[in-house]
């Protein structure tokens, strides 16, 4: 089985969601505008960082975003009551325009891979158990002025992250595991630090300074590997239980499958034929 940090995180949130998404292959018919926006911003940032790292010039980063947003918004998107294509287009262009100054102020640089390429959107995998691999796509590997190797993930978010989450995030733990497993190939000893750089979605967007903490201790990495193994055990043994949690921290309202799970409603979902049979048997 090939795991990803997002797949394991879904399992920690709700294994029923894992059953719908991964086991049955059910998907929403319409893509969330937030997902499309995040992809457009991420592609814009990667284009910019690649250009400046290689010594090239981008005349207008706003135009780069508009090109990516045009591609992402060419399909039908689901906007919230406070969103529109125009609002997101304008917000994204403003956000992109602020990124170069924020990156320069961070005094970070993109790590250069042994083959001379910038360490952007790096795909790595490691075997963590027999027939179980963990695979991840890292936004970027950075270095600071002291030569420390930093795993930095770019987040387009509605709220700024606090330092506690940066210290606890399993995603960063997974990325550290991946980097350390390929350290010799990358020409480094280890990842020294991990962190997020949050691009805050507001009418007047805010680019927060990178939130960086020291690398995870070995026991945290071992604990994460155990979490992955528990996920595999639950998946292979058909333990796909619901996890609604409490009234004030329930993940259900944010789940693509909440109406299917609570009402049996399938009208907003694209359901493969094999999944229809499984849903009938489970009813």
Protein backbone atom coordinates (compact mmCIF):
# COMPACT_ATOMS: atom_id res chain seq x y z
CA UNK A 1 0.00 0.00 0.00
CA UNK A 2 1.23 3.49 -0.83
CA UNK A 3 0.34 6.07 1.81
CA UNK A 4 0.51 9.85 1.72
CA UNK A 5 0.42 12.30 4.63
CA UNK A 6 -3.02 13.53 3.50
CA UNK A 7 -4.38 9.97 3.29
CA UNK A 8 -3.20 9.17 6.82
CA UNK A 9 -4.60 12.48 8.05
CA UNK A 10 -7.99 11.61 6.57
CA UNK A 11 -7.86 8.37 8.53
CA UNK A 12 -7.14 10.23 11.75
CA UNK A 13 -10.11 12.49 11.02
CA UNK A 14 -12.63 9.83 9.98
CA UNK A 15 -12.13 6.35 8.53
CA UNK A 16 -15.59 6.49 6.95
CA UNK A 17 -14.30 9.35 4.83
CA UNK A 18 -11.37 7.13 3.82
CA UNK A 19 -13.82 4.39 2.78
CA UNK A 20 -15.79 6.75 0.57
CA UNK A 21 -12.78 8.51 -0.96
CA UNK A 22 -10.10 5.83 -1.33
CA UNK A 23 -11.86 2.48 -1.09
CA UNK A 24 -14.90 3.34 -3.23
CA UNK A 25 -13.42 6.16 -5.31
CA UNK A 26 -16.35 8.55 -4.76
CA UNK A 27 -15.72 12.20 -5.62
CA UNK A 28 -17.74 15.44 -5.52
CA UNK A 29 -19.20 16.36 -8.90
CA UNK A 30 -18.07 19.97 -8.48
CA UNK A 31 -14.63 21.11 -7.33
CA UNK A 32 -14.34 23.47 -4.38
CA UNK A 33 -13.24 26.98 -5.35
CA UNK A 34 -10.89 26.93 -2.36
CA UNK A 35 -9.03 23.92 -3.77
CA UNK A 36 -8.74 25.53 -7.20
CA UNK A 37 -7.57 28.79 -5.65
CA UNK A 38 -4.95 27.04 -3.55
CA UNK A 39 -3.62 25.19 -6.59
CA UNK A 40 -3.38 28.40 -8.61
CA UNK A 41 -1.52 30.18 -5.81
CA UNK A 42 0.81 27.22 -5.24
CA UNK A 43 1.68 27.00 -8.94
CA UNK A 44 2.33 30.75 -9.00
CA UNK A 45 4.66 30.60 -6.00
CA UNK A 46 6.55 27.64 -7.47
CA UNK A 47 6.99 29.45 -10.80
CA UNK A 48 8.31 32.52 -8.99
CA UNK A 49 10.72 30.61 -6.75
CA UNK A 50 12.06 28.60 -9.68
CA UNK A 51 12.66 31.77 -11.67
CA UNK A 52 14.48 33.69 -8.92
CA UNK A 53 16.54 30.64 -7.94
CA UNK A 54 17.74 30.18 -11.52
CA UNK A 55 18.40 33.90 -11.91
CA UNK A 56 15.50 34.55 -14.25
CA UNK A 57 13.08 37.46 -14.09
CA UNK A 58 9.30 37.42 -13.88
CA UNK A 59 7.93 40.73 -15.13
CA UNK A 60 4.55 40.38 -13.42
CA UNK A 61 3.83 37.71 -10.83
CA UNK A 62 0.22 38.91 -10.82
CA UNK A 63 -0.06 37.87 -14.47
CA UNK A 64 1.40 34.47 -13.58
CA UNK A 65 -1.37 33.98 -11.03
CA UNK A 66 -4.05 35.13 -13.46
CA UNK A 67 -2.85 32.56 -15.99
CA UNK A 68 -3.00 29.75 -13.43
CA UNK A 69 -6.35 30.93 -12.08
CA UNK A 70 -7.82 31.04 -15.58
CA UNK A 71 -6.87 27.40 -16.00
CA UNK A 72 -8.21 26.34 -12.59
CA UNK A 73 -11.47 28.30 -12.93
CA UNK A 74 -12.21 27.04 -16.45
CA UNK A 75 -14.24 24.21 -14.91
CA UNK A 76 -17.36 24.51 -12.78
CA UNK A 77 -16.40 25.50 -9.23
CA UNK A 78 -18.37 25.60 -6.01
CA UNK A 79 -18.15 29.02 -4.34
CA UNK A 80 -19.29 29.82 -0.82
CA UNK A 81 -21.86 32.55 -0.19
CA UNK A 82 -19.06 35.09 0.35
CA UNK A 83 -16.99 34.05 -2.67
CA UNK A 84 -17.12 34.73 -6.39
CA UNK A 85 -14.80 34.21 -9.32
CA UNK A 86 -14.04 37.94 -9.44
CA UNK A 87 -13.31 38.21 -5.71
CA UNK A 88 -10.98 35.23 -5.75
CA UNK A 89 -9.24 36.42 -8.90
CA UNK A 90 -8.58 39.85 -7.38
CA UNK A 91 -7.53 38.41 -4.01
CA UNK A 92 -5.15 35.95 -5.66
CA UNK A 93 -3.50 38.60 -7.79
CA UNK A 94 -3.02 40.79 -4.71
CA UNK A 95 -1.63 37.84 -2.75
CA UNK A 96 0.79 36.96 -5.54
CA UNK A 97 1.94 40.56 -5.74
CA UNK A 98 2.93 40.55 -2.07
CA UNK A 99 4.83 37.27 -2.13
CA UNK A 100 8.20 38.42 -3.60
CA UNK A 101 8.79 40.98 -0.84
CA UNK A 102 7.77 38.50 1.85
CA UNK A 103 10.12 35.86 0.46
CA UNK A 104 13.00 38.34 0.30
CA UNK A 105 12.36 39.40 3.90
CA UNK A 106 12.50 35.76 5.04
CA UNK A 107 16.17 35.61 3.96
CA UNK A 108 15.62 32.02 2.88
CA UNK A 109 16.81 30.49 -0.36
CA UNK A 110 15.68 27.43 -2.26
CA UNK A 111 17.99 24.45 -1.76
CA UNK A 112 19.77 23.29 -4.90
CA UNK A 113 19.60 19.57 -5.62
CA UNK A 114 22.77 17.63 -6.57
CA UNK A 115 21.67 17.74 -10.23
CA UNK A 116 21.54 21.54 -10.10
CA UNK A 117 17.75 21.86 -10.05
CA UNK A 118 15.82 23.87 -7.43
CA UNK A 119 14.28 21.71 -4.68
CA UNK A 120 10.69 22.56 -5.56
CA UNK A 121 7.74 20.13 -5.60
CA UNK A 122 10.05 17.28 -4.64
CA UNK A 123 8.56 13.78 -4.74
CA UNK A 124 10.05 11.31 -2.25
CA UNK A 125 9.05 7.87 -0.96
CA UNK A 126 10.26 5.52 1.75
CA UNK A 127 9.27 2.01 2.80
CA UNK A 128 8.03 2.04 6.40
CA UNK A 129 6.82 -1.58 6.69
CA UNK A 130 6.62 -4.69 4.48
CA UNK A 131 4.46 -3.76 1.45
CA UNK A 132 3.81 -0.27 2.90
CA UNK A 133 5.42 2.90 1.53
CA UNK A 134 4.99 6.55 2.43
CA UNK A 135 5.10 9.00 -0.47
CA UNK A 136 5.01 12.77 -0.28
CA UNK A 137 5.29 15.84 -2.48
CA UNK A 138 7.23 18.58 -0.71
CA UNK A 139 6.61 22.17 -1.79
CA UNK A 140 10.20 23.13 -1.22
CA UNK A 141 13.41 22.49 0.65
CA UNK A 142 14.99 25.74 1.78
CA UNK A 143 18.20 26.92 3.41
CA UNK A 144 18.73 29.85 5.74
CA UNK A 145 21.73 32.16 6.03
CA UNK A 146 23.41 29.71 8.44
CA UNK A 147 23.15 26.83 5.99
CA UNK A 148 20.42 25.00 7.90
CA UNK A 149 18.19 22.77 5.77
CA UNK A 150 14.52 23.66 6.24
CA UNK A 151 11.42 21.81 5.08
CA UNK A 152 8.94 24.57 4.25
CA UNK A 153 5.35 23.99 3.18
CA UNK A 154 3.38 26.82 1.58
CA UNK A 155 -0.19 27.07 2.87
CA UNK A 156 -3.02 29.13 1.41
CA UNK A 157 -5.30 29.41 4.41
CA UNK A 158 -8.25 31.30 5.85
CA UNK A 159 -6.53 31.59 9.23
CA UNK A 160 -2.93 31.94 10.32
CA UNK A 161 -1.37 28.88 11.96
CA UNK A 162 -0.03 29.15 15.49
CA UNK A 163 3.33 27.80 16.62
CA UNK A 164 1.67 24.92 18.47
CA UNK A 165 0.31 23.49 15.23
CA UNK A 166 3.69 23.88 13.53
CA UNK A 167 5.22 21.83 16.34
CA UNK A 168 2.49 19.18 16.18
CA UNK A 169 1.75 18.83 12.46
CA UNK A 170 2.06 15.23 11.25
CA UNK A 171 2.52 16.50 7.71
CA UNK A 172 5.83 18.10 8.67
CA UNK A 173 6.82 14.98 10.61
CA UNK A 174 6.17 12.89 7.50
CA UNK A 175 8.21 15.25 5.34
CA UNK A 176 11.13 15.09 7.79
CA UNK A 177 11.01 11.29 7.61
CA UNK A 178 11.11 11.45 3.82
CA UNK A 179 13.98 13.95 3.68
CA UNK A 180 16.06 12.09 6.25
CA UNK A 181 15.55 8.83 4.35
CA UNK A 182 17.03 10.44 1.23
CA UNK A 183 19.64 12.61 2.97
CA UNK A 184 22.67 11.03 1.31
CA UNK A 185 21.08 11.33 -2.14
CA UNK A 186 20.27 14.98 -1.46
CA UNK A 187 23.79 15.64 -0.20
CA UNK A 188 22.76 16.63 3.33
CA UNK A 189 23.00 15.11 6.80
CA UNK A 190 19.38 15.69 7.77
CA UNK A 191 16.56 18.22 7.78
CA UNK A 192 17.42 20.73 10.50
CA UNK A 193 14.09 22.53 10.80
CA UNK A 194 10.50 22.33 9.55
CA UNK A 195 7.78 24.91 9.09
CA UNK A 196 4.93 26.55 7.24
CA UNK A 197 4.63 29.80 5.32
CA UNK A 198 1.00 30.90 5.43
CA UNK A 199 -0.61 32.98 2.70
CA UNK A 200 -3.66 34.34 4.47
CA UNK A 201 -6.79 34.69 2.35
CA UNK A 202 -8.36 38.07 3.10
CA UNK A 203 -9.71 40.96 1.04
CA UNK A 204 -6.30 42.48 1.67
CA UNK A 205 -4.17 39.30 1.76
CA UNK A 206 -1.40 38.84 4.32
CA UNK A 207 1.79 36.88 3.69
CA UNK A 208 2.98 35.71 7.09
CA UNK A 209 6.66 35.21 7.87
CA UNK A 210 7.70 31.55 7.80
CA UNK A 211 6.90 29.78 11.07
CA UNK A 212 9.87 27.48 11.61
CA UNK A 213 10.69 25.11 14.48
CA UNK A 214 13.44 22.59 15.18
CA UNK A 215 13.26 19.12 13.66
CA UNK A 216 11.14 16.44 15.29
CA UNK A 217 12.83 14.16 17.85
CA UNK A 218 13.19 10.49 16.88
CA UNK A 219 10.35 9.34 19.15
CA UNK A 220 7.90 11.60 17.29
CA UNK A 221 8.95 10.10 13.98
CA UNK A 222 8.57 6.58 15.37
CA UNK A 223 5.13 7.52 16.68
CA UNK A 224 4.12 8.73 13.22
CA UNK A 225 5.29 5.50 11.61
CA UNK A 226 3.13 3.63 14.13
CA UNK A 227 0.17 5.85 13.20
CA UNK A 228 0.69 4.88 9.55
CA UNK A 229 0.78 1.20 10.46
CA UNK A 230 -2.44 1.51 12.46
CA UNK A 231 -4.05 3.16 9.44
CA UNK A 232 -3.03 0.21 7.25
CA UNK A 233 -4.36 -2.28 9.81
CA UNK A 234 -7.71 -0.49 10.04
CA UNK A 235 -7.96 -0.22 6.25
CA UNK A 236 -7.09 -3.85 5.58
CA UNK A 237 -9.46 -5.08 8.30
CA UNK A 238 -12.40 -2.97 7.12
CA UNK A 239 -12.59 -0.70 10.16
CA UNK A 240 -14.21 2.32 8.52
CA UNK A 241 -15.99 3.88 11.48
CA UNK A 242 -17.55 7.34 11.60
CA UNK A 243 -15.85 9.98 13.78
CA UNK A 244 -18.27 12.90 14.30
CA UNK A 245 -16.48 14.00 17.51
CA UNK A 246 -18.11 16.75 19.57
CA UNK A 247 -20.62 19.37 18.52
CA UNK A 248 -18.05 22.18 18.44
CA UNK A 249 -15.17 20.35 16.76
CA UNK A 250 -16.95 18.00 14.38
CA UNK A 251 -15.27 17.49 10.98
CA UNK A 252 -18.59 16.55 9.39
CA UNK A 253 -19.58 19.98 8.07
CA UNK A 254 -16.33 20.16 6.06
CA UNK A 255 -16.64 16.64 4.65
CA UNK A 256 -17.51 16.10 0.98
CA UNK A 257 -19.56 13.05 1.93
CA UNK A 258 -21.63 14.41 4.86
CA UNK A 259 -25.01 14.07 3.13
CA UNK A 260 -24.20 10.58 1.89
CA UNK A 261 -23.03 9.57 5.35
CA UNK A 262 -25.94 11.09 7.28
CA UNK A 263 -28.86 10.89 4.81
CA UNK A 264 -27.81 8.48 2.08
CA UNK A 265 -28.01 11.34 -0.44
CA UNK A 266 -25.81 10.90 -3.52
CA UNK A 267 -27.00 13.71 -5.80
CA UNK A 268 -23.83 15.85 -5.48
CA UNK A 269 -21.41 12.96 -5.90
CA UNK A 270 -19.80 11.10 -8.79
CA UNK A 271 -20.13 7.45 -7.80
CA UNK A 272 -18.44 4.59 -9.73
CA UNK A 273 -20.59 1.53 -10.46
CA UNK A 274 -18.58 -0.66 -8.09
CA UNK A 275 -19.20 1.85 -5.31
CA UNK A 276 -22.96 1.77 -5.90
CA UNK A 277 -22.98 -1.95 -5.16
CA UNK A 278 -20.92 -1.47 -2.00
CA UNK A 279 -23.22 1.32 -0.80
CA UNK A 280 -26.28 -0.87 -1.34
CA UNK A 281 -24.72 -3.71 0.63
CA UNK A 282 -23.79 -1.34 3.46
CA UNK A 283 -27.24 0.27 3.65
